[in-house]
């Protein structure tokens, strides 16, 4: 699976932005797809995940109520709608997919209630800054 993120840019504090992740194939059986972020000097952290076979979603506590992850099977895209954007949300955002069942478990406990398997496929990332 190849993943390509888009939609990054600059957003005002308190503003909104939508990121998109296009998958190279039909998404229904990909397993879980997720959004992650890495700020300068920090570890990569999970933001949100969605089970492509059934619409279950899960969020990191830091973004609950502000960010929404959705999927569109028609265009094989997973989106992250970010609202009330805060300075601490500025980071490079990555899309990833687990590819379905794996013997390797996820390294991101925030997402394991919905996405328990390791994320094996990653996009290149898109940067989001706050102005």
N, C-alpha and C. Protein backbone atom coordinates (compact mmCIF):
# COMPACT_ATOMS: atom_id res chain seq x y z
N UNK A 1 0.85 -1.19 0.00
CA UNK A 1 0.00 0.00 0.00
C UNK A 1 0.88 1.24 0.00
N UNK A 2 0.59 2.15 -0.91
CA UNK A 2 1.29 3.44 -0.92
C UNK A 2 0.33 4.51 -0.44
N UNK A 3 0.84 5.42 0.37
CA UNK A 3 0.02 6.45 0.97
C UNK A 3 0.62 7.81 0.66
N UNK A 4 -0.24 8.76 0.28
CA UNK A 4 0.22 10.10 -0.04
C UNK A 4 -0.63 11.11 0.70
N UNK A 5 0.01 11.89 1.57
CA UNK A 5 -0.69 12.90 2.33
C UNK A 5 -0.74 14.22 1.55
N UNK A 6 -1.77 15.01 1.85
CA UNK A 6 -1.88 16.34 1.28
C UNK A 6 -2.66 17.21 2.24
N UNK A 7 -2.61 18.51 2.01
CA UNK A 7 -3.43 19.43 2.79
C UNK A 7 -2.68 20.19 3.86
N UNK A 8 -1.40 19.91 4.05
CA UNK A 8 -0.65 20.63 5.05
C UNK A 8 -0.46 22.09 4.69
N UNK A 9 -0.05 22.85 5.68
CA UNK A 9 0.17 24.28 5.46
C UNK A 9 0.17 25.01 6.78
N UNK A 10 -0.14 26.28 6.71
CA UNK A 10 -0.16 27.12 7.90
C UNK A 10 -1.61 27.37 8.31
N UNK A 11 -1.86 27.31 9.61
CA UNK A 11 -3.21 27.54 10.12
C UNK A 11 -3.11 28.44 11.34
N UNK A 12 -4.05 29.33 11.48
CA UNK A 12 -4.06 30.22 12.63
C UNK A 12 -4.46 29.46 13.88
N UNK A 13 -3.94 29.87 15.01
CA UNK A 13 -4.37 29.29 16.27
C UNK A 13 -5.88 29.46 16.41
N UNK A 14 -6.54 28.34 16.73
CA UNK A 14 -8.00 28.35 16.81
C UNK A 14 -8.68 28.03 15.50
N UNK A 15 -7.90 27.94 14.43
CA UNK A 15 -8.48 27.69 13.12
C UNK A 15 -8.61 26.22 12.79
N UNK A 16 -8.96 25.95 11.52
CA UNK A 16 -9.23 24.58 11.07
C UNK A 16 -8.43 24.26 9.82
N UNK A 17 -8.18 22.97 9.66
CA UNK A 17 -7.47 22.49 8.47
C UNK A 17 -7.83 21.03 8.26
N UNK A 18 -7.90 20.62 7.00
CA UNK A 18 -8.20 19.23 6.70
C UNK A 18 -7.02 18.61 5.97
N UNK A 19 -6.55 17.49 6.48
CA UNK A 19 -5.51 16.71 5.81
C UNK A 19 -6.14 15.51 5.13
N UNK A 20 -5.57 15.10 4.01
CA UNK A 20 -6.07 13.92 3.30
C UNK A 20 -4.94 12.94 3.06
N UNK A 21 -5.31 11.66 3.01
CA UNK A 21 -4.35 10.59 2.75
C UNK A 21 -4.95 9.68 1.70
N UNK A 22 -4.33 9.65 0.54
CA UNK A 22 -4.82 8.82 -0.55
C UNK A 22 -4.09 7.49 -0.55
N UNK A 23 -4.85 6.41 -0.55
CA UNK A 23 -4.28 5.06 -0.60
C UNK A 23 -4.23 4.58 -2.04
N UNK A 24 -3.24 3.74 -2.31
CA UNK A 24 -3.02 3.30 -3.70
C UNK A 24 -3.96 2.18 -4.12
N UNK A 25 -4.73 1.65 -3.17
CA UNK A 25 -5.67 0.59 -3.55
C UNK A 25 -6.94 0.70 -2.73
N UNK A 26 -7.87 -0.17 -3.05
CA UNK A 26 -9.15 -0.24 -2.36
C UNK A 26 -8.91 -0.38 -0.86
N UNK A 27 -9.61 0.46 -0.09
CA UNK A 27 -9.31 0.59 1.33
C UNK A 27 -10.02 -0.39 2.23
N UNK A 28 -11.10 -1.00 1.73
CA UNK A 28 -12.01 -1.70 2.64
C UNK A 28 -11.31 -2.76 3.47
N UNK A 29 -10.30 -3.43 2.88
CA UNK A 29 -9.64 -4.50 3.61
C UNK A 29 -8.21 -4.15 3.99
N UNK A 30 -7.89 -2.88 4.05
CA UNK A 30 -6.54 -2.46 4.45
C UNK A 30 -6.32 -2.73 5.92
N UNK A 31 -7.39 -2.69 6.70
CA UNK A 31 -7.27 -2.86 8.15
C UNK A 31 -7.51 -1.54 8.82
N UNK A 32 -6.51 -1.04 9.51
CA UNK A 32 -6.61 0.24 10.17
C UNK A 32 -5.77 1.27 9.44
N UNK A 33 -6.27 2.48 9.40
CA UNK A 33 -5.46 3.61 8.93
C UNK A 33 -5.43 4.64 10.04
N UNK A 34 -4.33 5.33 10.12
CA UNK A 34 -4.18 6.28 11.22
C UNK A 34 -3.41 7.52 10.82
N UNK A 35 -3.56 8.51 11.65
CA UNK A 35 -2.77 9.74 11.52
C UNK A 35 -1.86 9.85 12.73
N UNK A 36 -0.65 10.26 12.45
CA UNK A 36 0.38 10.42 13.47
C UNK A 36 1.05 11.77 13.26
N UNK A 37 1.79 12.22 14.25
CA UNK A 37 2.51 13.48 14.08
C UNK A 37 3.82 13.45 14.84
N UNK A 38 4.74 14.24 14.35
CA UNK A 38 6.03 14.39 15.02
C UNK A 38 6.40 15.86 15.01
N UNK A 39 6.51 16.42 16.19
CA UNK A 39 6.97 17.80 16.33
C UNK A 39 8.50 17.79 16.49
N UNK A 40 9.16 18.88 16.14
CA UNK A 40 10.63 18.93 16.26
C UNK A 40 11.08 18.58 17.67
N UNK A 41 12.03 17.66 17.78
CA UNK A 41 12.57 17.28 19.06
C UNK A 41 11.71 16.33 19.86
N UNK A 42 10.62 15.86 19.28
CA UNK A 42 9.71 14.96 20.01
C UNK A 42 9.56 13.65 19.27
N UNK A 43 9.06 12.65 20.00
CA UNK A 43 8.79 11.37 19.39
C UNK A 43 7.52 11.44 18.55
N UNK A 44 7.43 10.53 17.58
CA UNK A 44 6.20 10.42 16.81
C UNK A 44 5.08 9.95 17.74
N UNK A 45 3.92 10.58 17.63
CA UNK A 45 2.80 10.18 18.46
C UNK A 45 1.55 9.94 17.62
N UNK A 46 0.70 9.11 18.15
CA UNK A 46 -0.55 8.80 17.46
C UNK A 46 -1.54 9.93 17.65
N UNK A 47 -2.33 10.18 16.64
CA UNK A 47 -3.36 11.21 16.69
C UNK A 47 -4.75 10.58 16.63
N UNK A 48 -4.98 9.76 15.59
CA UNK A 48 -6.30 9.16 15.41
C UNK A 48 -6.19 7.92 14.53
N UNK A 49 -7.12 7.00 14.70
CA UNK A 49 -7.15 5.81 13.88
C UNK A 49 -8.56 5.46 13.47
N UNK A 50 -8.69 4.74 12.37
CA UNK A 50 -10.00 4.30 11.90
C UNK A 50 -9.89 2.92 11.30
N UNK A 51 -10.84 2.05 11.64
CA UNK A 51 -10.86 0.70 11.09
C UNK A 51 -11.59 0.77 9.75
N UNK A 52 -10.90 0.49 8.67
CA UNK A 52 -11.48 0.71 7.35
C UNK A 52 -12.61 -0.26 7.02
N UNK A 53 -12.70 -1.35 7.77
CA UNK A 53 -13.75 -2.31 7.51
C UNK A 53 -15.04 -2.04 8.25
N UNK A 54 -15.04 -1.00 9.12
CA UNK A 54 -16.26 -0.81 9.88
C UNK A 54 -16.46 0.55 10.50
N UNK A 55 -15.58 1.50 10.24
CA UNK A 55 -15.80 2.87 10.69
C UNK A 55 -15.53 3.12 12.17
N UNK A 56 -15.02 2.16 12.90
CA UNK A 56 -14.67 2.45 14.30
C UNK A 56 -13.49 3.41 14.32
N UNK A 57 -13.55 4.37 15.25
CA UNK A 57 -12.49 5.36 15.34
C UNK A 57 -11.95 5.43 16.76
N UNK A 58 -10.75 5.96 16.87
CA UNK A 58 -10.12 6.14 18.17
C UNK A 58 -9.21 7.36 18.08
N UNK A 59 -9.10 8.09 19.20
CA UNK A 59 -8.35 9.34 19.21
C UNK A 59 -7.42 9.41 20.42
N UNK A 60 -6.32 10.12 20.24
CA UNK A 60 -5.50 10.47 21.38
C UNK A 60 -6.26 11.49 22.22
N UNK A 61 -6.05 11.44 23.52
CA UNK A 61 -6.77 12.35 24.42
C UNK A 61 -6.53 13.81 24.05
N UNK A 62 -5.35 14.12 23.56
CA UNK A 62 -4.99 15.51 23.28
C UNK A 62 -5.79 16.12 22.15
N UNK A 63 -6.43 15.28 21.33
CA UNK A 63 -7.17 15.82 20.18
C UNK A 63 -8.65 15.50 20.22
N UNK A 64 -9.09 14.75 21.21
CA UNK A 64 -10.50 14.38 21.30
C UNK A 64 -11.37 15.62 21.34
N UNK A 65 -12.44 15.59 20.54
CA UNK A 65 -13.34 16.72 20.49
C UNK A 65 -12.91 17.83 19.55
N UNK A 66 -11.68 17.75 19.05
CA UNK A 66 -11.18 18.78 18.13
C UNK A 66 -10.87 18.21 16.74
N UNK A 67 -10.36 17.00 16.70
CA UNK A 67 -9.99 16.37 15.43
C UNK A 67 -10.98 15.26 15.10
N UNK A 68 -11.24 15.06 13.81
CA UNK A 68 -12.13 14.00 13.36
C UNK A 68 -11.49 13.26 12.19
N UNK A 69 -11.44 11.94 12.30
CA UNK A 69 -10.92 11.12 11.21
C UNK A 69 -12.09 10.49 10.47
N UNK A 70 -12.06 10.55 9.15
CA UNK A 70 -13.12 9.97 8.33
C UNK A 70 -12.49 9.24 7.15
N UNK A 71 -13.30 8.42 6.50
CA UNK A 71 -12.81 7.71 5.34
C UNK A 71 -13.82 7.79 4.21
N UNK A 72 -13.33 7.72 2.99
CA UNK A 72 -14.17 7.77 1.80
C UNK A 72 -13.72 6.64 0.89
N UNK A 73 -14.55 5.59 0.81
CA UNK A 73 -14.19 4.43 -0.01
C UNK A 73 -14.17 4.75 -1.49
N UNK A 74 -14.96 5.73 -1.90
CA UNK A 74 -15.08 6.03 -3.33
C UNK A 74 -13.74 6.51 -3.89
N UNK A 75 -13.05 7.34 -3.10
CA UNK A 75 -11.78 7.88 -3.56
C UNK A 75 -10.60 7.32 -2.77
N UNK A 76 -10.85 6.27 -1.97
CA UNK A 76 -9.78 5.61 -1.21
C UNK A 76 -8.95 6.61 -0.41
N UNK A 77 -9.66 7.42 0.38
CA UNK A 77 -8.99 8.49 1.12
C UNK A 77 -9.43 8.49 2.58
N UNK A 78 -8.47 8.72 3.43
CA UNK A 78 -8.75 8.97 4.84
C UNK A 78 -8.38 10.42 5.14
N UNK A 79 -9.26 11.11 5.82
CA UNK A 79 -9.05 12.52 6.09
C UNK A 79 -8.97 12.77 7.59
N UNK A 80 -8.29 13.84 7.94
CA UNK A 80 -8.23 14.30 9.32
C UNK A 80 -8.66 15.76 9.34
N UNK A 81 -9.82 16.01 9.92
CA UNK A 81 -10.32 17.38 10.02
C UNK A 81 -9.93 17.92 11.39
N UNK A 82 -9.11 18.94 11.38
CA UNK A 82 -8.59 19.51 12.61
C UNK A 82 -9.26 20.85 12.87
N UNK A 83 -9.83 21.02 14.04
CA UNK A 83 -10.44 22.28 14.42
C UNK A 83 -9.82 22.78 15.72
N UNK A 84 -10.05 24.06 16.02
CA UNK A 84 -9.48 24.66 17.23
C UNK A 84 -7.99 24.30 17.35
N UNK A 85 -7.29 24.51 16.28
CA UNK A 85 -5.88 24.14 16.19
C UNK A 85 -5.06 24.95 17.19
N UNK A 86 -4.21 24.27 17.92
CA UNK A 86 -3.40 24.89 18.95
C UNK A 86 -1.92 24.86 18.56
N UNK A 87 -1.12 25.76 19.13
CA UNK A 87 0.31 25.77 18.80
C UNK A 87 0.98 24.41 19.02
N UNK A 88 0.54 23.69 20.03
CA UNK A 88 1.16 22.39 20.31
C UNK A 88 0.76 21.32 19.29
N UNK A 89 -0.17 21.63 18.41
CA UNK A 89 -0.56 20.69 17.35
C UNK A 89 0.36 20.80 16.13
N UNK A 90 1.17 21.83 16.07
CA UNK A 90 2.06 22.01 14.92
C UNK A 90 3.07 20.88 14.86
N UNK A 91 3.17 20.25 13.69
CA UNK A 91 4.02 19.08 13.54
C UNK A 91 4.00 18.64 12.08
N UNK A 92 4.81 17.65 11.78
CA UNK A 92 4.66 16.95 10.52
C UNK A 92 3.69 15.80 10.76
N UNK A 93 2.65 15.74 9.94
CA UNK A 93 1.61 14.73 10.10
C UNK A 93 1.81 13.61 9.08
N UNK A 94 1.70 12.40 9.58
CA UNK A 94 1.90 11.21 8.75
C UNK A 94 0.64 10.35 8.74
N UNK A 95 0.38 9.78 7.60
CA UNK A 95 -0.68 8.80 7.45
C UNK A 95 -0.03 7.41 7.43
N UNK A 96 -0.71 6.43 7.98
CA UNK A 96 -0.17 5.07 7.99
C UNK A 96 -1.30 4.06 7.92
N UNK A 97 -0.95 2.86 7.50
CA UNK A 97 -1.91 1.76 7.43
C UNK A 97 -1.27 0.50 8.01
N UNK A 98 -2.07 -0.31 8.67
CA UNK A 98 -1.46 -1.52 9.25
C UNK A 98 -1.48 -2.69 8.28
N UNK A 99 -2.33 -2.65 7.25
CA UNK A 99 -2.35 -3.72 6.27
C UNK A 99 -3.08 -4.96 6.73
N UNK A 100 -3.80 -4.86 7.84
CA UNK A 100 -4.54 -6.01 8.32
C UNK A 100 -3.78 -6.76 9.40
N UNK A 101 -4.15 -8.00 9.60
CA UNK A 101 -3.58 -8.82 10.67
C UNK A 101 -2.07 -8.91 10.56
N UNK A 102 -1.44 -8.81 11.73
CA UNK A 102 0.01 -8.95 11.79
C UNK A 102 0.37 -9.55 13.14
N UNK A 103 1.46 -10.31 13.18
CA UNK A 103 1.92 -10.83 14.47
C UNK A 103 2.58 -9.75 15.30
N UNK A 104 2.89 -8.62 14.67
CA UNK A 104 3.52 -7.51 15.37
C UNK A 104 2.44 -6.56 15.86
N UNK A 105 2.51 -6.23 17.14
CA UNK A 105 1.50 -5.34 17.71
C UNK A 105 1.90 -3.88 17.56
N UNK A 106 0.91 -3.03 17.67
CA UNK A 106 1.14 -1.60 17.50
C UNK A 106 2.00 -1.05 18.63
N UNK A 107 2.84 -0.07 18.29
CA UNK A 107 3.65 0.65 19.27
C UNK A 107 2.95 1.90 19.78
N UNK A 108 1.68 2.05 19.41
CA UNK A 108 0.94 3.26 19.76
C UNK A 108 -0.29 2.87 20.60
N UNK A 109 -0.13 2.83 21.91
CA UNK A 109 -1.21 2.35 22.78
C UNK A 109 -2.49 3.18 22.69
N UNK A 110 -2.40 4.44 22.32
CA UNK A 110 -3.61 5.25 22.20
C UNK A 110 -4.57 4.67 21.17
N UNK A 111 -4.06 3.98 20.18
CA UNK A 111 -4.90 3.49 19.10
C UNK A 111 -5.24 2.00 19.21
N UNK A 112 -4.63 1.29 20.13
CA UNK A 112 -4.79 -0.17 20.15
C UNK A 112 -6.21 -0.66 20.41
N UNK A 113 -7.09 0.11 21.08
CA UNK A 113 -8.47 -0.40 21.20
C UNK A 113 -9.15 -0.66 19.86
N UNK A 114 -8.74 0.05 18.83
CA UNK A 114 -9.32 -0.14 17.50
C UNK A 114 -8.28 -0.69 16.53
N UNK A 115 -7.03 -0.30 16.71
CA UNK A 115 -5.95 -0.66 15.78
C UNK A 115 -4.82 -1.35 16.55
N UNK A 116 -4.95 -2.66 16.80
CA UNK A 116 -3.98 -3.35 17.62
C UNK A 116 -2.69 -3.79 16.92
N UNK A 117 -2.69 -3.77 15.60
CA UNK A 117 -1.54 -4.29 14.86
C UNK A 117 -0.58 -3.19 14.44
N UNK A 118 0.65 -3.58 14.16
CA UNK A 118 1.67 -2.62 13.80
C UNK A 118 1.33 -1.92 12.48
N UNK A 119 1.62 -0.65 12.43
CA UNK A 119 1.43 0.12 11.21
C UNK A 119 2.65 -0.11 10.33
N UNK A 120 2.44 -0.76 9.19
CA UNK A 120 3.55 -1.18 8.34
C UNK A 120 3.79 -0.27 7.16
N UNK A 121 2.79 0.52 6.79
CA UNK A 121 2.90 1.35 5.60
C UNK A 121 2.73 2.81 6.00
N UNK A 122 3.67 3.63 5.55
CA UNK A 122 3.69 5.03 5.96
C UNK A 122 3.82 5.96 4.77
N UNK A 123 3.15 7.12 4.89
CA UNK A 123 3.33 8.17 3.92
C UNK A 123 4.56 8.99 4.24
N UNK A 124 4.83 9.97 3.40
CA UNK A 124 6.02 10.81 3.56
C UNK A 124 5.81 11.95 4.54
N UNK A 125 4.58 12.26 4.83
CA UNK A 125 4.29 13.32 5.80
C UNK A 125 3.95 14.64 5.15
N UNK A 126 3.19 15.44 5.87
CA UNK A 126 2.85 16.78 5.42
C UNK A 126 2.95 17.71 6.64
N UNK A 127 3.58 18.85 6.44
CA UNK A 127 3.86 19.73 7.57
C UNK A 127 2.71 20.69 7.82
N UNK A 128 2.41 20.87 9.09
CA UNK A 128 1.39 21.82 9.50
C UNK A 128 2.00 22.76 10.53
N UNK A 129 1.95 24.05 10.23
CA UNK A 129 2.48 25.05 11.15
C UNK A 129 1.36 25.95 11.64
N UNK A 130 1.60 26.64 12.71
CA UNK A 130 0.60 27.54 13.26
C UNK A 130 1.10 28.98 13.15
N UNK A 131 0.19 29.85 12.77
CA UNK A 131 0.57 31.25 12.63
C UNK A 131 -0.15 32.13 13.64
